[in-house]
Amino acid sequence: MTDRFKPLSGTVGPLFAQLEQRVAAHVELTERVRAALTGPEKDHVVSASCRDDTLVVLADSAAWCPQIRYAQTQLLELLNGCGESKVTKLKVRVGRKPRAPNQQ
């Protein structure tokens, strides 16, 4: 092998490490959002992510979106209080829960 080509593990390894860190942060934020919600809507949060100053929450059904939106003030205060980057807006959308591997 010549010096012009880098081994695949040398270039992809750091990318996988960065991806793993991003996924872990995403899962942690989702758990914080669920913990901040006090009602049954917390069981219907699929995921949460931050985009600039906006917290985007995915719910498993459109029926739960208004309930999560109703808790906006409480949710944003608790997240800002625990050191999450300053989020000032909330968007709630409908998302899907991932399928189990044996379901087709």
N, C-alpha and C. Protein backbone atom coordinates (compact mmCIF):
# COMPACT_ATOMS: atom_id res chain seq x y z
N MET A 1 0.85 -1.18 0.00
CA MET A 1 0.00 0.00 0.00
C MET A 1 0.89 1.23 0.00
N THR A 2 0.50 2.22 -0.74
CA THR A 2 1.30 3.45 -0.81
C THR A 2 0.90 4.40 0.31
N ASP A 3 1.70 5.43 0.47
CA ASP A 3 1.43 6.43 1.51
C ASP A 3 0.26 7.34 1.14
N ARG A 4 -0.16 7.29 -0.11
CA ARG A 4 -1.27 8.15 -0.54
C ARG A 4 -2.60 7.70 0.05
N PHE A 5 -2.73 6.44 0.38
CA PHE A 5 -3.99 5.91 0.89
C PHE A 5 -3.89 5.67 2.38
N LYS A 6 -4.84 6.20 3.09
CA LYS A 6 -4.89 5.98 4.53
C LYS A 6 -5.70 4.72 4.80
N PRO A 7 -5.38 3.99 5.85
CA PRO A 7 -6.21 2.84 6.19
C PRO A 7 -7.62 3.31 6.54
N LEU A 8 -8.59 2.51 6.20
CA LEU A 8 -9.99 2.87 6.43
C LEU A 8 -10.26 3.11 7.92
N SER A 9 -9.68 2.31 8.78
CA SER A 9 -9.93 2.47 10.21
C SER A 9 -9.40 3.80 10.74
N GLY A 10 -8.37 4.35 10.10
CA GLY A 10 -7.83 5.63 10.54
C GLY A 10 -8.74 6.80 10.25
N THR A 11 -9.54 6.71 9.19
CA THR A 11 -10.43 7.82 8.85
C THR A 11 -11.85 7.61 9.36
N VAL A 12 -12.30 6.40 9.36
CA VAL A 12 -13.68 6.13 9.77
C VAL A 12 -13.81 6.03 11.28
N GLY A 13 -12.79 5.61 11.95
CA GLY A 13 -12.83 5.45 13.41
C GLY A 13 -13.28 6.71 14.12
N PRO A 14 -12.64 7.87 13.87
CA PRO A 14 -13.08 9.11 14.53
C PRO A 14 -14.50 9.51 14.15
N LEU A 15 -14.90 9.22 12.92
CA LEU A 15 -16.26 9.55 12.52
C LEU A 15 -17.28 8.73 13.31
N PHE A 16 -16.98 7.45 13.52
CA PHE A 16 -17.87 6.62 14.32
C PHE A 16 -17.91 7.09 15.77
N ALA A 17 -16.79 7.53 16.29
CA ALA A 17 -16.75 8.05 17.66
C ALA A 17 -17.61 9.29 17.79
N GLN A 18 -17.53 10.20 16.80
CA GLN A 18 -18.36 11.40 16.82
C GLN A 18 -19.84 11.05 16.71
N LEU A 19 -20.15 10.11 15.84
CA LEU A 19 -21.54 9.68 15.68
C LEU A 19 -22.07 9.07 16.97
N GLU A 20 -21.25 8.26 17.62
CA GLU A 20 -21.66 7.65 18.88
C GLU A 20 -21.92 8.71 19.95
N GLN A 21 -21.10 9.75 20.00
CA GLN A 21 -21.31 10.84 20.96
C GLN A 21 -22.59 11.60 20.67
N ARG A 22 -22.86 11.86 19.40
CA ARG A 22 -24.10 12.56 19.04
C ARG A 22 -25.33 11.74 19.39
N VAL A 23 -25.29 10.45 19.16
CA VAL A 23 -26.42 9.58 19.49
C VAL A 23 -26.63 9.55 21.01
N ALA A 24 -25.55 9.45 21.76
CA ALA A 24 -25.66 9.43 23.23
C ALA A 24 -26.26 10.74 23.74
N ALA A 25 -25.87 11.87 23.17
CA ALA A 25 -26.43 13.17 23.58
C ALA A 25 -27.91 13.25 23.23
N HIS A 26 -28.27 12.72 22.08
CA HIS A 26 -29.67 12.71 21.64
C HIS A 26 -30.53 11.87 22.59
N VAL A 27 -30.04 10.70 22.95
CA VAL A 27 -30.78 9.82 23.88
C VAL A 27 -30.89 10.47 25.26
N GLU A 28 -29.82 11.10 25.70
CA GLU A 28 -29.84 11.77 27.01
C GLU A 28 -30.86 12.91 27.04
N LEU A 29 -30.91 13.70 25.97
CA LEU A 29 -31.88 14.80 25.90
C LEU A 29 -33.30 14.26 25.90
N THR A 30 -33.53 13.19 25.17
CA THR A 30 -34.87 12.58 25.14
C THR A 30 -35.28 12.13 26.54
N GLU A 31 -34.36 11.53 27.27
CA GLU A 31 -34.67 11.10 28.64
C GLU A 31 -34.93 12.29 29.56
N ARG A 32 -34.20 13.39 29.36
CA ARG A 32 -34.46 14.60 30.16
C ARG A 32 -35.84 15.17 29.88
N VAL A 33 -36.23 15.16 28.62
CA VAL A 33 -37.56 15.66 28.27
C VAL A 33 -38.63 14.78 28.91
N ARG A 34 -38.47 13.48 28.83
CA ARG A 34 -39.45 12.58 29.46
C ARG A 34 -39.52 12.80 30.96
N ALA A 35 -38.37 13.01 31.59
CA ALA A 35 -38.34 13.22 33.04
C ALA A 35 -38.98 14.55 33.43
N ALA A 36 -38.89 15.55 32.55
CA ALA A 36 -39.46 16.87 32.85
C ALA A 36 -40.98 16.88 32.73
N LEU A 37 -41.53 15.98 31.93
CA LEU A 37 -42.99 15.91 31.79
C LEU A 37 -43.56 15.09 32.93
N THR A 38 -44.67 15.57 33.49
CA THR A 38 -45.21 14.91 34.68
C THR A 38 -46.41 14.03 34.40
N GLY A 39 -47.06 14.21 33.28
CA GLY A 39 -48.27 13.45 32.98
C GLY A 39 -48.00 12.25 32.09
N PRO A 40 -49.08 11.65 31.61
CA PRO A 40 -48.94 10.45 30.77
C PRO A 40 -48.31 10.74 29.40
N GLU A 41 -48.21 12.01 29.04
CA GLU A 41 -47.62 12.34 27.74
C GLU A 41 -46.15 11.95 27.66
N LYS A 42 -45.49 11.81 28.82
CA LYS A 42 -44.08 11.45 28.79
C LYS A 42 -43.84 10.07 28.18
N ASP A 43 -44.82 9.20 28.26
CA ASP A 43 -44.69 7.87 27.67
C ASP A 43 -44.87 7.88 26.16
N HIS A 44 -45.24 9.02 25.61
CA HIS A 44 -45.50 9.13 24.17
C HIS A 44 -44.46 9.97 23.44
N VAL A 45 -43.39 10.33 24.15
CA VAL A 45 -42.29 11.06 23.52
C VAL A 45 -41.39 10.04 22.82
N VAL A 46 -41.23 10.20 21.51
CA VAL A 46 -40.39 9.30 20.73
C VAL A 46 -38.94 9.74 20.81
N SER A 47 -38.69 11.03 20.59
CA SER A 47 -37.33 11.56 20.68
C SER A 47 -37.38 13.08 20.83
N ALA A 48 -36.23 13.63 21.17
CA ALA A 48 -36.11 15.08 21.30
C ALA A 48 -34.73 15.50 20.80
N SER A 49 -34.68 16.67 20.18
CA SER A 49 -33.40 17.19 19.70
C SER A 49 -33.44 18.71 19.76
N CYS A 50 -32.27 19.33 19.73
CA CYS A 50 -32.17 20.79 19.72
C CYS A 50 -31.65 21.23 18.38
N ARG A 51 -32.29 22.24 17.85
CA ARG A 51 -31.83 22.91 16.62
C ARG A 51 -31.79 24.39 16.93
N ASP A 52 -30.60 24.90 17.05
CA ASP A 52 -30.38 26.29 17.45
C ASP A 52 -31.06 26.55 18.79
N ASP A 53 -32.06 27.43 18.84
CA ASP A 53 -32.73 27.73 20.11
C ASP A 53 -34.08 27.01 20.22
N THR A 54 -34.31 26.00 19.40
CA THR A 54 -35.59 25.31 19.37
C THR A 54 -35.44 23.86 19.81
N LEU A 55 -36.28 23.47 20.75
CA LEU A 55 -36.37 22.07 21.16
C LEU A 55 -37.43 21.41 20.29
N VAL A 56 -37.07 20.35 19.60
CA VAL A 56 -38.00 19.63 18.74
C VAL A 56 -38.30 18.29 19.40
N VAL A 57 -39.57 18.08 19.71
CA VAL A 57 -40.01 16.85 20.37
C VAL A 57 -40.90 16.09 19.40
N LEU A 58 -40.63 14.80 19.24
CA LEU A 58 -41.47 13.95 18.42
C LEU A 58 -42.35 13.11 19.33
N ALA A 59 -43.66 13.15 19.06
CA ALA A 59 -44.63 12.34 19.81
C ALA A 59 -45.11 11.22 18.91
N ASP A 60 -45.57 10.13 19.52
CA ASP A 60 -45.98 8.98 18.72
C ASP A 60 -47.36 9.12 18.10
N SER A 61 -48.09 10.16 18.47
CA SER A 61 -49.43 10.37 17.94
C SER A 61 -49.77 11.85 17.97
N ALA A 62 -50.55 12.29 17.01
CA ALA A 62 -50.96 13.70 16.98
C ALA A 62 -51.81 14.06 18.19
N ALA A 63 -52.44 13.09 18.80
CA ALA A 63 -53.27 13.35 19.98
C ALA A 63 -52.45 13.85 21.17
N TRP A 64 -51.16 13.50 21.23
CA TRP A 64 -50.33 13.88 22.36
C TRP A 64 -49.57 15.18 22.13
N CYS A 65 -49.54 15.67 20.91
CA CYS A 65 -48.80 16.91 20.61
C CYS A 65 -49.30 18.12 21.41
N PRO A 66 -50.62 18.37 21.48
CA PRO A 66 -51.07 19.53 22.26
C PRO A 66 -50.76 19.40 23.74
N GLN A 67 -50.77 18.19 24.26
CA GLN A 67 -50.49 17.99 25.68
C GLN A 67 -49.03 18.31 26.00
N ILE A 68 -48.14 17.93 25.08
CA ILE A 68 -46.73 18.25 25.27
C ILE A 68 -46.52 19.76 25.10
N ARG A 69 -47.20 20.36 24.12
CA ARG A 69 -47.10 21.80 23.91
C ARG A 69 -47.61 22.56 25.13
N TYR A 70 -48.64 22.04 25.77
CA TYR A 70 -49.22 22.69 26.95
C TYR A 70 -48.19 22.80 28.08
N ALA A 71 -47.25 21.85 28.13
CA ALA A 71 -46.22 21.85 29.18
C ALA A 71 -44.96 22.61 28.75
N GLN A 72 -45.06 23.43 27.72
CA GLN A 72 -43.91 24.12 27.16
C GLN A 72 -43.12 24.92 28.19
N THR A 73 -43.79 25.77 28.94
CA THR A 73 -43.10 26.63 29.90
C THR A 73 -42.33 25.81 30.92
N GLN A 74 -43.00 24.83 31.48
CA GLN A 74 -42.37 23.96 32.48
C GLN A 74 -41.20 23.20 31.87
N LEU A 75 -41.38 22.68 30.70
CA LEU A 75 -40.35 21.89 30.02
C LEU A 75 -39.11 22.74 29.72
N LEU A 76 -39.31 23.93 29.16
CA LEU A 76 -38.18 24.79 28.82
C LEU A 76 -37.45 25.29 30.06
N GLU A 77 -38.18 25.61 31.12
CA GLU A 77 -37.55 26.07 32.36
C GLU A 77 -36.69 24.96 32.97
N LEU A 78 -37.23 23.76 33.03
CA LEU A 78 -36.47 22.66 33.61
C LEU A 78 -35.23 22.32 32.79
N LEU A 79 -35.34 22.34 31.48
CA LEU A 79 -34.19 22.03 30.64
C LEU A 79 -33.12 23.13 30.72
N ASN A 80 -33.54 24.38 30.74
CA ASN A 80 -32.58 25.47 30.87
C ASN A 80 -31.94 25.46 32.25
N GLY A 81 -32.70 25.06 33.26
CA GLY A 81 -32.18 24.99 34.62
C GLY A 81 -31.13 23.91 34.81
N CYS A 82 -31.20 22.84 34.02
CA CYS A 82 -30.23 21.74 34.19
C CYS A 82 -29.08 21.86 33.21
N GLY A 83 -28.90 23.06 32.65
CA GLY A 83 -27.70 23.31 31.85
C GLY A 83 -27.83 23.06 30.36
N GLU A 84 -29.00 22.72 29.90
CA GLU A 84 -29.19 22.54 28.45
C GLU A 84 -28.99 23.90 27.79
N SER A 85 -28.46 23.89 26.58
CA SER A 85 -28.26 25.16 25.89
C SER A 85 -29.58 25.94 25.90
N LYS A 86 -29.48 27.22 25.84
CA LYS A 86 -30.66 28.07 26.00
C LYS A 86 -31.69 27.84 24.90
N VAL A 87 -32.67 27.04 25.21
CA VAL A 87 -33.76 26.81 24.27
C VAL A 87 -34.90 27.74 24.65
N THR A 88 -35.50 28.37 23.65
CA THR A 88 -36.56 29.34 23.91
C THR A 88 -37.85 28.97 23.20
N LYS A 89 -37.78 28.00 22.30
CA LYS A 89 -38.95 27.61 21.53
C LYS A 89 -39.14 26.10 21.60
N LEU A 90 -40.37 25.69 21.38
CA LEU A 90 -40.69 24.27 21.37
C LEU A 90 -41.50 23.96 20.12
N LYS A 91 -41.10 22.95 19.41
CA LYS A 91 -41.88 22.43 18.29
C LYS A 91 -42.19 20.98 18.61
N VAL A 92 -43.44 20.61 18.43
CA VAL A 92 -43.84 19.22 18.66
C VAL A 92 -44.38 18.68 17.36
N ARG A 93 -43.84 17.57 16.95
CA ARG A 93 -44.24 16.93 15.71
C ARG A 93 -44.56 15.47 15.96
N VAL A 94 -45.19 14.87 14.97
CA VAL A 94 -45.51 13.44 15.07
C VAL A 94 -44.35 12.65 14.47
N GLY A 95 -43.88 11.67 15.20
CA GLY A 95 -42.82 10.78 14.74
C GLY A 95 -43.25 9.35 14.94
N ARG A 96 -42.42 8.45 14.54
CA ARG A 96 -42.72 7.03 14.69
C ARG A 96 -41.73 6.38 15.63
N LYS A 97 -42.24 5.46 16.41
CA LYS A 97 -41.35 4.66 17.22
C LYS A 97 -40.66 3.66 16.31
N PRO A 98 -39.40 3.36 16.57
CA PRO A 98 -38.72 2.38 15.72
C PRO A 98 -39.35 1.00 15.89
N ARG A 99 -39.38 0.28 14.79
CA ARG A 99 -39.93 -1.07 14.84
C ARG A 99 -38.95 -2.02 15.52
N ALA A 100 -39.51 -3.01 16.16
CA ALA A 100 -38.68 -4.07 16.72
C ALA A 100 -38.08 -4.86 15.56
N PRO A 101 -36.88 -5.42 15.72
CA PRO A 101 -36.23 -6.11 14.60
C PRO A 101 -37.04 -7.28 14.02
N ASN A 102 -37.87 -7.92 14.82
CA ASN A 102 -38.62 -9.08 14.32
C ASN A 102 -39.95 -8.68 13.68
N GLN A 103 -40.31 -7.40 13.69
CA GLN A 103 -41.56 -6.95 13.06
C GLN A 103 -41.27 -6.48 11.65
N GLN A 104 -42.05 -6.88 10.72
CA GLN A 104 -41.88 -6.45 9.34
C GLN A 104 -43.11 -5.81 8.82
